Protein backbone atom coordinates (compact mmCIF):
# COMPACT_ATOMS: atom_id res chain seq x y z
CA SER A 1 0.09 0.17 -0.13
CA LEU A 2 3.04 2.37 0.91
CA VAL A 3 4.15 1.76 -2.50
CA ALA A 4 1.33 2.11 -4.46
CA ILE A 5 0.84 5.31 -2.09
CA ILE A 6 4.00 7.09 -3.36
CA LEU A 7 3.44 5.91 -7.62
CA ILE A 8 0.20 7.33 -6.98
CA SER A 9 0.86 10.37 -5.86
CA GLY A 10 3.70 11.02 -8.08
CA VAL A 11 1.01 10.73 -11.20
CA LYS A 12 -0.65 13.68 -12.40
CA VAL A 13 -4.29 12.11 -12.79
CA SER A 14 -7.55 13.70 -11.20
CA PHE A 15 -7.55 14.11 -7.07
CA PHE A 16 -10.45 11.88 -7.34
CA LEU A 17 -8.95 9.20 -9.21
CA LYS A 18 -6.47 9.00 -6.61
CA CYS A 19 -8.64 8.74 -4.04
CA GLY A 20 -10.44 5.85 -6.13
CA LEU A 21 -7.26 4.45 -6.67
CA LEU A 22 -6.19 3.99 -2.89
CA GLY A 23 -9.58 3.07 -1.85
CA LEU A 24 -9.30 0.13 -3.95
CA ILE A 25 -6.08 -0.86 -2.40
CA GLY A 26 -7.96 -0.64 0.75
CA ILE A 27 -10.32 -2.98 -0.58
CA VAL A 28 -7.68 -5.28 -1.90
CA GLY A 29 -6.44 -5.28 1.52
CA LEU A 30 -9.27 -5.83 3.58
CA ILE A 31 -10.04 -8.68 1.52
CA ILE A 32 -6.74 -10.39 1.92
CA ALA A 33 -6.45 -9.51 5.55
CA ALA A 34 -10.08 -10.40 5.92
CA PRO A 35 -9.58 -13.97 7.31
CA TYR A 36 -7.05 -12.22 9.86
CA ARG A 37 -9.61 -9.48 11.01
CA MET A 38 -12.34 -12.20 11.52
CA ALA A 39 -10.38 -14.70 13.74
CA ARG A 40 -9.53 -11.59 15.71
CA ILE A 41 -12.76 -10.78 16.09
CA ILE A 42 -14.26 -13.99 17.23
CA SER A 43 -11.82 -14.12 19.33
CA PHE A 44 -12.27 -10.84 21.25
CA LEU A 45 -16.47 -11.42 20.88
CA ASN A 46 -15.92 -14.53 22.82
CA PRO A 47 -12.24 -15.23 23.90
CA TRP A 48 -12.53 -17.87 25.98
CA SER A 49 -14.71 -20.06 23.87
CA ASP A 50 -13.41 -22.92 21.45
CA PRO A 51 -11.98 -21.02 18.38
CA LEU A 52 -12.27 -24.36 16.35
CA GLY A 53 -15.96 -23.98 16.73
CA SER A 54 -18.09 -23.47 13.55
CA GLY A 55 -16.63 -19.69 13.04
CA TYR A 56 -13.26 -21.01 12.55
CA GLN A 57 -14.69 -23.55 10.14
CA ILE A 58 -16.46 -20.88 8.15
CA ILE A 59 -13.56 -18.74 7.52
CA GLN A 60 -11.39 -22.02 6.94
CA SER A 61 -13.51 -22.75 4.15
CA LEU A 62 -14.14 -19.88 2.51
CA TYR A 63 -10.35 -18.09 3.23
CA ALA A 64 -8.00 -20.91 3.85
CA ILE A 65 -6.24 -19.90 0.69
CA GLY A 66 -3.70 -17.06 0.04
CA PRO A 67 -1.78 -14.89 3.06
CA GLY A 68 -5.05 -14.31 4.61
CA GLY A 69 -6.33 -17.46 5.27
CA ILE A 70 -2.74 -18.33 6.54
CA LEU A 71 -2.88 -15.37 8.95
CA GLY A 72 -6.39 -16.59 10.17
CA GLN A 73 -5.54 -19.74 10.65
CA GLY A 74 -2.30 -18.62 12.47
CA PHE A 75 -3.95 -16.33 14.70
CA LEU A 76 -6.88 -18.59 15.64
CA ASN A 77 -4.26 -21.31 16.67
CA SER A 78 -2.39 -18.87 18.73
CA ARG A 79 -5.40 -18.01 20.84
CA GLN A 80 -6.21 -21.63 21.84
CA LYS A 81 -2.52 -21.58 23.18
CA HIS A 82 -3.06 -18.87 24.96
CA PHE A 83 -0.26 -17.00 22.93
CA TYR A 84 -1.13 -12.86 22.58
CA LEU A 85 0.05 -11.32 19.81
CA PRO A 86 0.23 -7.46 19.74
CA GLU A 87 -3.06 -5.68 19.02
CA PRO A 88 -2.75 -2.44 16.47
CA GLN A 89 -5.31 -0.06 17.43
CA THR A 90 -7.39 -0.56 14.32
CA ASP A 91 -8.22 -4.06 15.37
CA PHE A 92 -9.18 -2.63 18.79
CA ILE A 93 -11.20 0.05 17.24
CA PHE A 94 -12.85 -2.80 15.14
CA ALA A 95 -13.53 -5.01 17.78
CA THR A 96 -15.06 -2.31 20.16
CA ILE A 97 -17.58 -1.77 17.05
CA CYS A 98 -18.04 -5.46 16.95
CA GLU A 99 -18.55 -5.86 21.04
CA GLU A 100 -21.34 -2.59 20.43
CA PHE A 101 -23.15 -3.50 17.51
CA GLY A 102 -22.39 -6.78 17.04
CA ILE A 103 -21.28 -8.68 13.69
CA PHE A 104 -24.07 -6.91 11.93
CA GLY A 105 -22.56 -3.65 12.72
CA ALA A 106 -18.66 -4.66 11.46
CA LEU A 107 -20.39 -5.82 8.12
CA VAL A 108 -22.16 -2.53 7.89
CA ILE A 109 -19.23 -0.68 8.52
CA ILE A 110 -17.28 -2.81 6.17
CA SER A 111 -19.88 -2.26 3.80
CA LEU A 112 -19.81 1.94 3.99
CA PHE A 113 -16.00 1.50 3.50
CA ILE A 114 -16.84 -0.53 0.03
CA ILE A 115 -19.08 2.18 -0.94
CA ILE A 116 -17.07 4.96 -0.11
CA CYS A 117 -14.23 3.63 -2.34
CA TYR A 118 -16.64 2.48 -4.99
CA SER A 119 -17.85 6.37 -5.00
CA SER A 120 -14.93 7.69 -5.29
CA ILE A 121 -13.87 5.68 -8.11
CA LYS A 122 -16.66 6.49 -9.66
CA LEU A 123 -16.49 10.15 -9.18
CA ALA A 124 -12.60 9.81 -10.22
CA LEU A 125 -14.02 8.44 -13.48
CA THR A 126 -16.46 10.96 -13.89
CA GLN A 127 -14.32 13.85 -13.49
CA TYR A 128 -11.73 11.95 -15.43
CA VAL A 129 -14.00 11.64 -18.80
CA MET A 130 -17.39 13.12 -18.20
CA ASN A 131 -17.53 16.61 -16.88
CA PHE A 132 -16.25 18.14 -19.85
CA VAL A 133 -19.79 19.30 -21.75
CA GLU A 134 -21.65 19.86 -18.61
CA GLU A 135 -18.40 22.44 -17.46
CA LEU A 136 -18.93 24.20 -20.76
CA ARG A 137 -22.66 24.08 -20.43
CA TRP A 138 -22.99 25.90 -17.55
CA ARG A 139 -20.76 28.57 -18.49
CA GLY A 140 -22.43 29.30 -21.46
CA MET A 141 -19.97 27.94 -23.87
CA VAL A 142 -21.63 25.23 -25.76
CA HIS A 143 -23.07 26.27 -29.56
CA THR A 144 -23.59 23.21 -31.35
CA MET A 145 -22.45 19.78 -31.16
CA THR A 146 -22.66 16.71 -33.22
CA PRO A 147 -24.51 13.80 -31.83
CA GLY A 148 -22.79 11.43 -29.77
CA THR A 149 -19.94 14.26 -28.92
CA GLU A 150 -21.15 13.85 -25.39
CA GLU A 151 -21.43 9.89 -24.94
CA LEU A 152 -17.78 9.79 -26.47
CA LEU A 153 -16.73 12.03 -23.88
CA GLU A 154 -17.90 9.84 -21.33
CA LYS A 155 -16.79 6.67 -22.66
CA GLU A 156 -12.79 7.30 -22.93
CA MET A 157 -10.08 9.79 -22.85
CA VAL A 158 -10.37 11.89 -26.23
CA THR A 159 -7.86 13.52 -28.15
CA ALA A 160 -9.58 16.80 -29.63
CA TYR A 161 -8.38 19.95 -31.28
CA LEU A 162 -8.36 23.13 -31.93
CA GLY A 163 -7.13 25.58 -34.36
CA ILE A 164 -5.25 29.12 -33.61
CA ASP A 165 -4.44 31.41 -36.21
CA PRO A 166 -0.98 32.32 -36.46
CA THR A 167 -1.15 35.62 -38.23
CA ALA A 168 0.70 37.52 -35.52
CA ASP A 169 2.86 36.27 -32.63
CA SER A 170 0.68 37.17 -29.75
CA LEU A 171 -2.54 35.91 -29.07
CA HIS A 172 -5.33 38.08 -28.53
CA ILE A 173 -8.64 38.24 -26.17
CA GLY A 174 -10.39 37.02 -29.00
CA HIS A 175 -8.51 33.91 -28.82
CA LEU A 176 -9.07 33.54 -25.20
CA CYS A 177 -12.10 31.58 -25.42
CA GLY A 178 -10.75 28.85 -27.48
CA VAL A 179 -7.87 28.53 -24.85
CA MET A 180 -10.24 28.50 -21.81
CA ILE A 181 -12.07 25.34 -23.98
CA LEU A 182 -8.61 23.88 -24.16
CA ARG A 183 -7.76 24.19 -20.59
CA HIS A 184 -11.27 22.76 -19.34
CA PHE A 185 -10.82 19.96 -21.94
CA GLN A 186 -7.24 19.07 -20.24
CA ARG A 187 -8.53 19.72 -17.06
CA CYS A 188 -11.34 17.20 -17.17
CA GLY A 189 -8.61 14.50 -18.22
CA HIS A 190 -8.84 14.68 -21.89
CA LYS A 191 -6.31 15.47 -24.46
CA PRO A 192 -5.84 18.93 -26.19
CA LEU A 193 -4.31 19.39 -29.48
CA ALA A 194 -3.35 23.37 -30.15
CA LEU A 195 -3.12 23.54 -33.80
CA ILE A 196 -1.40 26.59 -35.72
CA GLY A 197 -2.82 27.14 -39.05
CA GLY A 198 0.76 27.81 -40.95
CA ALA A 199 -0.39 25.89 -43.98
CA THR A 200 -3.89 27.91 -43.55
CA GLY A 201 -2.70 31.00 -42.47
CA MET A 202 -1.27 31.23 -45.98
CA ILE A 203 -4.50 31.38 -47.66
CA GLY A 204 -6.91 32.89 -45.29
CA ASP A 205 -10.51 31.60 -44.02
CA PRO A 206 -13.61 33.06 -45.55
CA SER A 207 -15.66 32.42 -42.45
CA GLY A 208 -17.21 35.89 -41.18
CA LYS A 209 -14.68 38.04 -43.26
CA SER A 210 -15.71 40.02 -46.10
CA GLN A 211 -12.15 40.21 -47.50
CA GLU A 212 -9.07 37.77 -47.81
CA ARG A 213 -6.25 37.90 -44.99
CA ASN A 214 -2.52 38.84 -45.52
CA LEU A 215 -0.53 35.83 -46.87
CA LEU A 216 2.50 35.32 -44.23
CA ASP A 217 5.63 33.80 -45.17
CA GLU A 218 7.31 30.69 -43.55
CA ALA A 219 9.76 32.38 -41.22
CA THR A 220 7.12 34.60 -39.53
CA LEU A 221 4.94 31.75 -39.35
CA ARG A 222 7.74 29.38 -37.34
CA HIS A 223 8.44 32.91 -35.16
CA ASN A 224 4.65 33.33 -34.77
CA GLN A 225 4.34 29.59 -33.90
CA GLU A 226 6.86 29.81 -31.07
CA ALA A 227 5.68 33.07 -29.44
CA ILE A 228 2.12 31.38 -29.24
CA LYS A 229 3.57 28.20 -27.73
CA ARG A 230 5.15 30.19 -25.03
CA GLN A 231 1.51 32.03 -24.19
CA LEU A 232 -0.40 28.74 -24.28
CA ALA A 233 2.20 27.22 -21.46
CA LYS A 234 0.62 29.36 -19.48
CA PHE A 235 -2.76 27.51 -19.61
CA LEU A 236 -1.78 24.05 -20.88
CA ASP A 237 0.54 21.52 -19.46
CA PHE A 238 2.92 20.62 -22.64
CA GLU A 239 5.96 19.46 -20.60
CA SER A 240 4.83 16.51 -18.08
CA ASP A 241 4.72 12.90 -18.56
CA ALA A 242 0.90 12.72 -18.40
CA PRO A 243 -1.10 10.78 -20.94
CA ASN A 244 -3.24 13.98 -21.75
CA ARG A 245 -0.22 16.52 -22.00
CA ALA A 246 -0.98 18.94 -24.14
CA GLU A 247 0.63 19.04 -27.89
CA LEU A 248 1.34 22.16 -30.47
CA VAL A 249 1.03 20.78 -33.88
CA ASN A 250 1.42 22.95 -36.68
CA ASN A 251 -0.47 21.95 -40.27
CA TYR A 252 2.43 23.19 -42.40
CA ASP A 253 4.43 20.29 -41.31
CA TRP A 254 2.08 17.83 -43.18
CA MET A 255 1.01 19.98 -46.29
CA LYS A 256 4.28 21.58 -47.35
CA GLU A 257 5.07 18.49 -49.51
CA PHE A 258 1.76 17.93 -50.33
CA SER A 259 1.27 18.53 -54.14
CA PHE A 260 -1.70 19.29 -55.50
CA LEU A 261 -2.56 16.36 -57.85
CA ASP A 262 -1.62 14.35 -54.71
CA PHE A 263 -4.08 16.49 -52.79
CA ALA A 264 -6.99 16.20 -55.72
CA ARG A 265 -6.99 12.82 -55.99
CA GLU A 266 -6.30 12.12 -52.23
CA ILE A 267 -9.01 14.67 -50.22
CA GLY A 268 -10.65 16.16 -53.39
CA LYS A 269 -12.56 13.30 -54.84
CA HIS A 270 -14.12 12.64 -51.61
CA ILE A 271 -16.05 16.42 -50.95
CA THR A 272 -18.36 17.35 -53.85
CA VAL A 273 -18.80 21.04 -54.91
CA ASN A 274 -22.17 20.91 -54.05
CA TYR A 275 -21.27 19.96 -50.44
CA MET A 276 -18.79 22.73 -50.55
CA MET A 277 -21.29 25.58 -51.96
CA ALA A 278 -24.05 24.98 -49.53
CA LYS A 279 -21.51 25.91 -46.57
CA GLU A 280 -23.21 29.12 -44.75
CA SER A 281 -19.49 30.73 -44.89
CA VAL A 282 -19.09 30.64 -48.63
CA GLN A 283 -23.01 31.57 -49.44
CA LYS A 284 -22.35 35.10 -47.33
CA ARG A 285 -19.30 35.68 -49.87
CA LEU A 286 -20.89 34.61 -52.93
CA ASN A 287 -24.07 36.84 -52.24
CA GLY A 288 -22.70 40.13 -52.52
CA GLU A 289 -20.99 40.38 -49.02
CA ALA A 290 -17.38 40.93 -50.37
CA ARG A 291 -16.93 43.26 -53.39
CA ASP A 292 -14.45 40.71 -54.76
CA GLY A 293 -16.44 37.50 -54.57
CA LEU A 294 -14.48 34.54 -53.26
CA SER A 295 -10.89 33.49 -54.72
CA PHE A 296 -10.54 29.84 -55.49
CA THR A 297 -7.86 29.87 -52.59
CA GLU A 298 -10.24 30.65 -50.09
CA PHE A 299 -12.82 28.35 -51.32
CA THR A 300 -10.15 25.23 -50.70
CA TYR A 301 -10.25 26.35 -47.44
CA GLN A 302 -12.55 23.99 -45.89
CA LEU A 303 -11.13 21.13 -47.65
CA LEU A 304 -7.79 22.08 -45.81
CA GLN A 305 -9.22 22.41 -42.57
CA GLY A 306 -11.11 19.20 -43.11
CA TYR A 307 -7.62 17.36 -44.15
CA ASP A 308 -6.21 18.45 -40.97
CA PHE A 309 -8.71 16.40 -39.03
CA LEU A 310 -8.48 13.54 -41.12
CA HIS A 311 -4.49 13.58 -40.61
CA LEU A 312 -4.94 14.08 -36.84
CA TYR A 313 -7.24 11.09 -36.48
CA GLN A 314 -4.80 8.83 -38.42
CA HIS A 315 -1.89 10.16 -36.69
CA LYS A 316 -2.75 11.40 -33.10
CA ASP A 317 -6.35 9.30 -32.69
CA CYS A 318 -8.09 12.51 -32.80
CA LYS A 319 -12.01 12.07 -32.96
CA LEU A 320 -13.19 15.74 -31.77
CA GLN A 321 -12.58 18.97 -33.45
CA MET A 322 -13.53 22.00 -31.41
CA GLY A 323 -13.78 26.23 -32.82
CA GLY A 324 -16.04 29.03 -32.68
CA SER A 325 -19.64 28.36 -34.32
CA ASP A 326 -18.55 30.56 -37.42
CA GLN A 327 -15.97 27.54 -37.88
CA TRP A 328 -19.07 24.77 -37.90
CA GLY A 329 -19.02 24.19 -41.77
CA ASN A 330 -15.18 23.85 -41.96
CA ILE A 331 -15.08 21.28 -39.15
CA THR A 332 -18.22 19.67 -40.51
CA THR A 333 -16.27 19.02 -43.29
CA GLY A 334 -13.73 17.28 -41.48
CA SER A 335 -16.12 15.21 -39.99
CA GLU A 336 -17.48 14.07 -43.09
CA LEU A 337 -14.04 13.65 -44.86
CA ILE A 338 -13.32 10.84 -42.21
CA ARG A 339 -16.62 9.23 -42.44
CA ARG A 340 -16.45 8.96 -46.42
CA LYS A 341 -12.77 8.23 -46.96
CA LEU A 342 -12.36 6.46 -43.72
CA GLY A 343 -15.83 5.14 -42.44
CA ALA A 344 -15.21 6.50 -39.58
CA GLU A 345 -16.85 8.57 -36.62
CA ALA A 346 -15.39 12.17 -35.98
CA TYR A 347 -17.20 14.49 -33.63
CA ALA A 348 -17.67 18.42 -33.63
CA LEU A 349 -17.95 21.14 -30.82
CA THR A 350 -18.49 24.42 -31.09
CA CYS A 351 -18.85 27.63 -28.62
CA PRO A 352 -20.68 31.16 -29.24
CA LEU A 353 -19.02 34.09 -30.56
CA ILE A 354 -18.49 36.18 -27.89
CA THR A 355 -20.41 39.49 -28.25
CA LYS A 356 -20.78 42.56 -25.79
CA ALA A 357 -24.19 43.79 -24.36
CA ASP A 358 -24.76 46.17 -26.63
CA GLY A 359 -23.98 44.45 -29.88
CA GLY A 360 -20.26 45.57 -30.13
CA LYS A 361 -17.38 43.34 -31.04
CA PHE A 362 -15.79 41.56 -28.22
CA GLY A 363 -12.04 42.05 -27.45
CA LYS A 364 -11.83 45.35 -29.66
CA THR A 365 -10.78 48.99 -28.29
CA GLU A 366 -10.45 52.20 -29.87
CA SER A 367 -6.92 51.30 -30.46
CA GLY A 368 -7.64 48.15 -31.64
CA ASN A 369 -6.96 44.43 -30.49
CA VAL A 370 -6.64 43.36 -26.12
CA TRP A 371 -3.22 41.48 -26.68
CA LEU A 372 -1.99 39.18 -24.12
CA ASP A 373 1.40 39.96 -24.34
CA PRO A 374 2.60 42.87 -22.66
CA ARG A 375 4.32 44.48 -25.41
CA TYR A 376 1.41 45.16 -27.09
CA THR A 377 -1.21 45.83 -24.66
CA SER A 378 0.57 46.30 -21.16
CA PRO A 379 -0.94 44.82 -17.91
CA TYR A 380 -2.77 47.96 -17.15
CA LYS A 381 -4.49 48.65 -20.05
CA PHE A 382 -5.39 44.60 -19.95
CA TYR A 383 -6.54 45.08 -16.81
CA GLN A 384 -8.53 48.17 -17.38
CA PHE A 385 -10.71 46.44 -20.45
CA TRP A 386 -11.60 43.44 -17.68
CA LEU A 387 -12.73 46.29 -15.04
CA ASN A 388 -14.81 48.26 -17.49
CA VAL A 389 -16.65 45.86 -19.15
CA SER A 390 -20.76 46.22 -18.12
CA ASP A 391 -22.71 44.72 -15.31
CA SER A 392 -24.66 42.70 -18.02
CA ASP A 393 -21.23 41.31 -19.45
CA ALA A 394 -19.08 40.68 -16.32
CA GLU A 395 -21.20 37.92 -14.74
CA LYS A 396 -21.15 36.42 -18.26
CA TYR A 397 -17.73 36.91 -18.42
CA LEU A 398 -16.94 35.47 -15.21
CA LYS A 399 -18.32 32.10 -16.18
CA ILE A 400 -16.19 31.98 -19.56
CA PHE A 401 -12.84 33.50 -18.77
CA THR A 402 -12.38 32.31 -15.14
CA PHE A 403 -12.33 28.83 -13.28
CA LEU A 404 -14.34 29.95 -10.46
CA SER A 405 -17.24 27.82 -9.58
CA GLU A 406 -20.88 27.94 -10.47
CA GLU A 407 -21.50 28.94 -6.56
CA GLU A 408 -18.72 31.21 -6.50
CA ILE A 409 -20.12 33.55 -9.62
CA LYS A 410 -23.75 33.27 -8.27
CA ALA A 411 -22.63 34.69 -4.98
CA LEU A 412 -20.28 37.60 -6.75
CA ALA A 413 -23.89 38.46 -8.49
CA GLU A 414 -26.02 38.46 -5.25
CA GLU A 415 -23.38 40.71 -3.93
CA HIS A 416 -22.98 43.03 -6.76
CA ALA A 417 -27.05 43.10 -6.88
CA ALA A 418 -27.11 44.43 -3.21
CA ASP A 419 -24.61 47.20 -4.00
CA PRO A 420 -23.63 47.74 -7.94
CA GLY A 421 -21.21 50.64 -7.27
CA GLN A 422 -18.79 48.40 -5.67
CA ARG A 423 -18.42 46.83 -8.79
CA PRO A 424 -17.50 43.27 -7.33
CA LEU A 425 -18.40 41.33 -10.31
CA GLN A 426 -15.53 43.39 -12.28
CA LYS A 427 -12.95 43.47 -9.95
CA ARG A 428 -12.96 39.90 -9.59
CA LEU A 429 -13.06 39.01 -13.43
CA ALA A 430 -10.16 41.82 -14.04
CA ARG A 431 -8.22 40.25 -10.83
CA GLU A 432 -8.78 36.39 -11.98
CA VAL A 433 -7.55 37.29 -15.77
CA THR A 434 -5.06 39.69 -15.21
CA ILE A 435 -3.65 37.34 -12.58
CA MET A 436 -4.26 33.98 -15.33
CA VAL A 437 -2.57 35.87 -18.24
CA HIS A 438 0.04 37.98 -16.64
CA SER A 439 1.03 37.49 -13.02
CA GLU A 440 -0.04 38.68 -9.43
CA ALA A 441 2.70 41.23 -9.59
CA ASP A 442 1.42 42.61 -12.77
CA TYR A 443 -2.28 42.66 -11.18
CA ASN A 444 -0.81 44.35 -7.84
CA ALA A 445 1.09 47.03 -9.80
CA ALA A 446 -2.24 47.82 -12.20
CA VAL A 447 -4.44 48.27 -9.26
CA GLU A 448 -1.88 50.70 -7.71
CA ALA A 449 -1.59 52.67 -10.99
CA SER A 450 -5.23 52.41 -11.35
CA GLN A 451 -5.54 54.87 -7.80
CA ILE A 452 -3.10 57.12 -9.24
CA LEU A 453 -5.67 59.55 -10.92
CA PHE A 454 -8.02 59.40 -7.66
CA SER A 455 -5.37 59.84 -5.02
CA ASN A 456 -3.59 63.01 -3.46
CA SER A 457 -0.64 61.00 -2.09
CA ALA A 458 0.55 58.86 -5.03
CA ASN A 459 3.83 60.29 -5.38
CA GLU A 460 5.89 57.22 -4.68
CA ALA A 461 3.46 55.04 -6.71
CA LEU A 462 4.25 57.31 -9.39
CA LYS A 463 7.90 56.62 -9.37
CA ASN A 464 7.53 52.97 -9.37
CA ILE A 465 5.69 52.76 -12.22
CA ASP A 466 7.03 51.67 -15.52
CA GLU A 467 6.93 54.16 -18.64
CA ALA A 468 4.46 51.66 -20.68
CA THR A 469 2.46 52.06 -17.55
CA LEU A 470 2.54 55.75 -17.12
CA LEU A 471 1.87 56.79 -21.10
CA ASP A 472 -1.03 54.14 -20.63
CA ILE A 473 -2.78 56.17 -17.87
CA PHE A 474 -2.37 59.25 -19.23
CA GLU A 475 -2.86 58.73 -22.71
CA GLY A 476 -4.59 61.45 -24.28
CA VAL A 477 -3.65 63.91 -21.82
CA PRO A 478 -2.35 67.09 -23.36
CA GLN A 479 1.18 66.97 -23.94
CA PHE A 480 4.81 69.20 -23.87
CA GLU A 481 8.54 68.85 -24.73
CA VAL A 482 10.63 70.64 -22.83
CA SER A 483 14.30 71.05 -23.26
CA ALA A 484 16.48 68.22 -21.00
CA GLU A 485 18.93 71.30 -20.79
CA ASP A 486 16.36 73.51 -18.80
CA ILE A 487 15.62 71.06 -16.13
CA LYS A 488 19.28 69.74 -16.03
CA ALA A 489 20.11 73.51 -15.26
CA GLY A 490 17.27 73.89 -12.94
CA VAL A 491 13.94 76.02 -13.98
CA PRO A 492 11.42 78.06 -12.15
CA VAL A 493 7.93 76.41 -11.86
CA LEU A 494 6.17 79.41 -13.09
CA ASP A 495 8.57 79.69 -16.20
CA LEU A 496 8.15 75.78 -16.84
CA LEU A 497 4.01 76.12 -16.64
CA ALA A 498 3.92 79.09 -18.54
CA VAL A 499 6.71 79.77 -20.63
CA LYS A 500 8.50 76.12 -21.61
CA SER A 501 5.32 74.36 -22.28
CA GLY A 502 1.66 75.66 -22.54
CA VAL A 503 0.21 74.28 -19.09
CA PHE A 504 -0.80 78.22 -18.20
CA ALA A 505 -1.49 80.91 -20.50
CA SER A 506 0.73 83.46 -18.59
CA LYS A 507 3.22 83.45 -15.45
CA GLY A 508 0.17 85.34 -13.67
CA GLU A 509 -2.09 83.01 -14.04
CA ALA A 510 0.46 80.27 -12.89
CA ARG A 511 1.24 82.28 -9.73
CA LYS A 512 -2.66 82.55 -8.84
CA MET A 513 -2.79 78.71 -8.99
CA VAL A 514 -0.12 78.04 -7.18
CA GLN A 515 -0.92 80.03 -4.24
CA GLY A 516 -4.41 78.54 -4.21
CA GLY A 517 -3.19 75.16 -3.94
CA GLY A 518 -4.36 74.25 -7.12
CA VAL A 519 -1.30 72.93 -8.78
CA SER A 520 0.65 69.80 -8.68
CA ILE A 521 3.70 68.20 -9.98
CA ASN A 522 3.95 64.68 -10.14
CA LYS A 523 0.93 64.49 -7.46
CA GLU A 524 2.82 66.84 -4.98
CA LYS A 525 1.34 70.16 -4.19
CA ILE A 526 3.39 73.05 -5.00
CA ALA A 527 3.31 75.62 -2.17
CA ASP A 528 5.99 78.08 -3.26
CA PRO A 529 5.65 80.08 -6.62
CA ASN A 530 9.47 80.43 -6.70
CA ALA A 531 10.17 76.75 -6.67
CA VAL A 532 12.77 75.26 -9.03
CA VAL A 533 11.86 72.04 -10.58
CA SER A 534 15.09 70.14 -11.55
CA GLU A 535 16.00 66.30 -12.86
CA GLU A 536 15.39 65.08 -9.39
CA VAL A 537 11.32 65.14 -10.31
CA LEU A 538 11.80 63.37 -13.68
CA LEU A 539 9.94 60.35 -14.09
CA ASN A 540 11.40 57.45 -15.78
CA GLY A 541 14.26 59.82 -16.36
CA LYS A 542 12.17 61.88 -18.93
CA TYR A 543 8.26 62.59 -17.64
CA ILE A 544 7.09 65.45 -15.63
CA LEU A 545 3.34 65.39 -14.46
CA VAL A 546 1.37 68.36 -14.05
CA GLN A 547 -1.93 68.52 -12.51
CA ARG A 548 -3.84 71.82 -12.92
CA GLY A 549 -6.75 71.81 -10.31
CA LYS A 550 -8.78 68.52 -9.65
CA LYS A 551 -9.35 67.34 -13.41
CA ASN A 552 -6.66 68.63 -15.74
CA TYR A 553 -3.59 66.69 -16.16
CA TYR A 554 -0.54 67.40 -18.79
CA LEU A 555 2.80 65.60 -19.48
CA LEU A 556 5.71 67.26 -20.06
CA ILE A 557 8.19 65.21 -21.77
CA VAL A 558 12.18 65.98 -21.41
CA LYS A 559 14.41 65.83 -24.55
């Protein structure tokens, strides 16, 4: 048992599966030791009776074979000779139960033990292969799935893949729903494949788009693939020796040597043009939504994606493809190709496209995509995006983009309903997603930076934030360039505010505002109109933040 416990504790499987396996070990141990234990019970219940009576005969006849029978027989013989073995505490407790409740009570205890072990195993198996669809369903992440998908997931550990667009070297939050599905899939014991669309990225997917994508060269695709894998590694286990460890695959690897003639002969003959034309994504492009119609290159996209599914089915035993609801046509082309070419069943599951309550496109801001890479979207702006979602979106996004339980989200929703002004839904959403994508340190820095605009004692916080965050916080405020030589030599504050920059129209106006306590530099009040500003006040070596009144900010850039 000790060896088994050590081995099981080192295996990366479900906690409940571990409990079930340990319970199974306990049941096996109980069966092996049952004759020994029953002999002790009979002896405890009536220690001065003939231990070779009917009880012993039953034990001997049922359990004479094996170590348990030998131990049981040896013990009864030793009791007959009044030779008492040391009694473990567990035996004493068990005997006490028998004395209090009789043999029937002891059997009830054993039965309960077996039921608990069985329930643990059953729960483990449920966690291991059955909970994925239910988990997505209550989170609102299931749009459509083919018949038999749920039954397949209940029956075995399934390999599934989800495609990721490699047109940039970072994922953005539009990808995040798919990534969360892969993570749920792996957490439920299944094996996820993240497919980088290297080959298909060179062509472009017509689904939901009005024009072709920019085509990428191989060097760019390889760079993007490595960058995306580093980001996915925060969500998926690629490195362990667990049977359901994630894998990253690139369809360019199996498509680059596939000639057009081979593709036409091996794949094209199995899918008719009528079947391809019926797809909604194709119909939208043909019915006037795009000025240039649909190119042959794009038209073949669904066959290429269908071949991906076939290839992974044959080489990775991949039976399920997942994606957004706009991918349904391409996914089902793959399952149909597998059916026609191999006579086998393959399955599809899609999630709804994420939208905002006002009908706007999720993941877009005035400045563009919200990226997971801090080079493109700082952790501060990332945090602010989630913090500023609407009340109606916040609860939905908590279900999709976090791993909080249903009970936790309901409790947060109730708290929010009681006091919407505190915005507990948005605060928890921003915290969970920022920590998951970046880190807890980045989250704490973002929270601290968010307080700068509303705090009168934020000088130290300003000194500690990085340049990107500083610029993000004061994005859109008026900016003025100031000579580095002037700051190095020391410049009178009134000259800085009215002459070297345009914060005030005149030195007289600046003096009046300073004397009235209405001017701050780097969130510190300027009380003396004759003060001199030097390079000691510079933030990140080149910025000075000026506050005029309560709401007017100016950023001086020293060059």
